[in-house]
Protein backbone atom coordinates (compact mmCIF):
# COMPACT_ATOMS: atom_id res chain seq x y z
CA UNK A 1 -44.87 -0.33 1.98
CA UNK A 2 -41.30 0.58 0.16
CA UNK A 3 -38.53 -1.13 1.60
CA UNK A 4 -35.87 -0.10 3.67
CA UNK A 5 -32.66 1.23 2.40
CA UNK A 6 -29.75 0.07 3.29
CA UNK A 7 -26.71 2.16 4.16
CA UNK A 8 -23.05 1.78 3.81
CA UNK A 9 -20.52 4.42 5.58
CA UNK A 10 -19.34 5.54 2.44
CA UNK A 11 -22.59 7.16 1.66
CA UNK A 12 -21.96 9.85 3.71
CA UNK A 13 -18.74 12.27 3.96
CA UNK A 14 -19.11 12.61 7.76
CA UNK A 15 -16.91 9.51 8.16
CA UNK A 16 -13.75 11.04 6.01
CA UNK A 17 -11.78 13.15 8.43
CA UNK A 18 -10.93 16.39 7.40
CA UNK A 19 -6.96 15.61 7.47
CA UNK A 20 -7.25 13.52 4.10
CA UNK A 21 -8.17 16.13 2.38
CA UNK A 22 -5.64 17.01 0.10
CA UNK A 23 -5.72 21.29 1.16
CA UNK A 24 -4.43 19.48 4.47
CA UNK A 25 -1.77 17.89 3.21
CA UNK A 26 -0.53 20.97 1.39
CA UNK A 27 -0.62 22.66 4.84
CA UNK A 28 1.27 20.78 6.64
CA UNK A 29 4.86 20.14 6.30
CA UNK A 30 5.25 16.73 8.36
CA UNK A 31 1.80 15.17 6.00
CA UNK A 32 3.27 16.55 2.72
CA UNK A 33 6.84 14.97 3.26
CA UNK A 34 4.90 11.70 4.28
CA UNK A 35 2.71 11.89 1.32
CA UNK A 36 5.46 12.29 -0.46
CA UNK A 37 7.62 9.37 0.73
CA UNK A 38 4.10 7.50 0.65
CA UNK A 39 4.21 8.23 -3.41
CA UNK A 40 7.70 7.59 -4.05
CA UNK A 41 7.66 4.20 -2.31
CA UNK A 42 4.16 2.86 -4.04
CA UNK A 43 5.60 4.16 -7.30
CA UNK A 44 8.89 1.73 -6.76
CA UNK A 45 7.60 -1.22 -5.54
CA UNK A 46 4.66 -1.55 -8.30
CA UNK A 47 7.63 -1.30 -10.70
CA UNK A 48 7.89 -3.74 -13.48
CA UNK A 49 11.89 -4.11 -11.57
CA UNK A 50 10.43 -4.80 -8.65
CA UNK A 51 8.41 -7.42 -9.49
CA UNK A 52 11.21 -8.97 -11.53
CA UNK A 53 13.51 -8.53 -8.74
CA UNK A 54 10.89 -10.32 -6.07
CA UNK A 55 10.41 -13.31 -8.73
CA UNK A 56 14.38 -14.04 -9.03
CA UNK A 57 14.68 -14.20 -5.03
CA UNK A 58 11.85 -16.25 -4.57
CA UNK A 59 13.60 -18.61 -7.73
CA UNK A 60 17.25 -18.05 -6.41
CA UNK A 61 15.74 -19.08 -2.85
CA UNK A 62 13.62 -22.66 -4.11
CA UNK A 63 17.30 -23.53 -5.79
CA UNK A 64 19.20 -22.69 -3.06
CA UNK A 65 17.14 -24.52 -0.44
CA UNK A 66 18.25 -28.21 -1.03
CA UNK A 67 21.61 -26.84 -0.50
CA UNK A 68 20.87 -24.96 3.24
CA UNK A 69 18.55 -28.03 3.72
CA UNK A 70 15.36 -25.42 4.00
CA UNK A 71 16.68 -23.86 6.88
CA UNK A 72 14.62 -20.77 8.16
CA UNK A 73 17.90 -19.62 10.14
């Protein structure tokens, strides 16, 4: 007797909507605009400059915390 095969949802292409295909994105102007926007945000947010800026903000927040009594308002 063979053991039953466990299938995941990624085993079948039926779970992928047709709107996620690159061909659909190229033909639909709204999807193309969103794709361009999302790619730009991803590139900027994942940059070393964005990471460094986030670190600086956290350090400044930590240093100025006692000055403002760690108020969240």
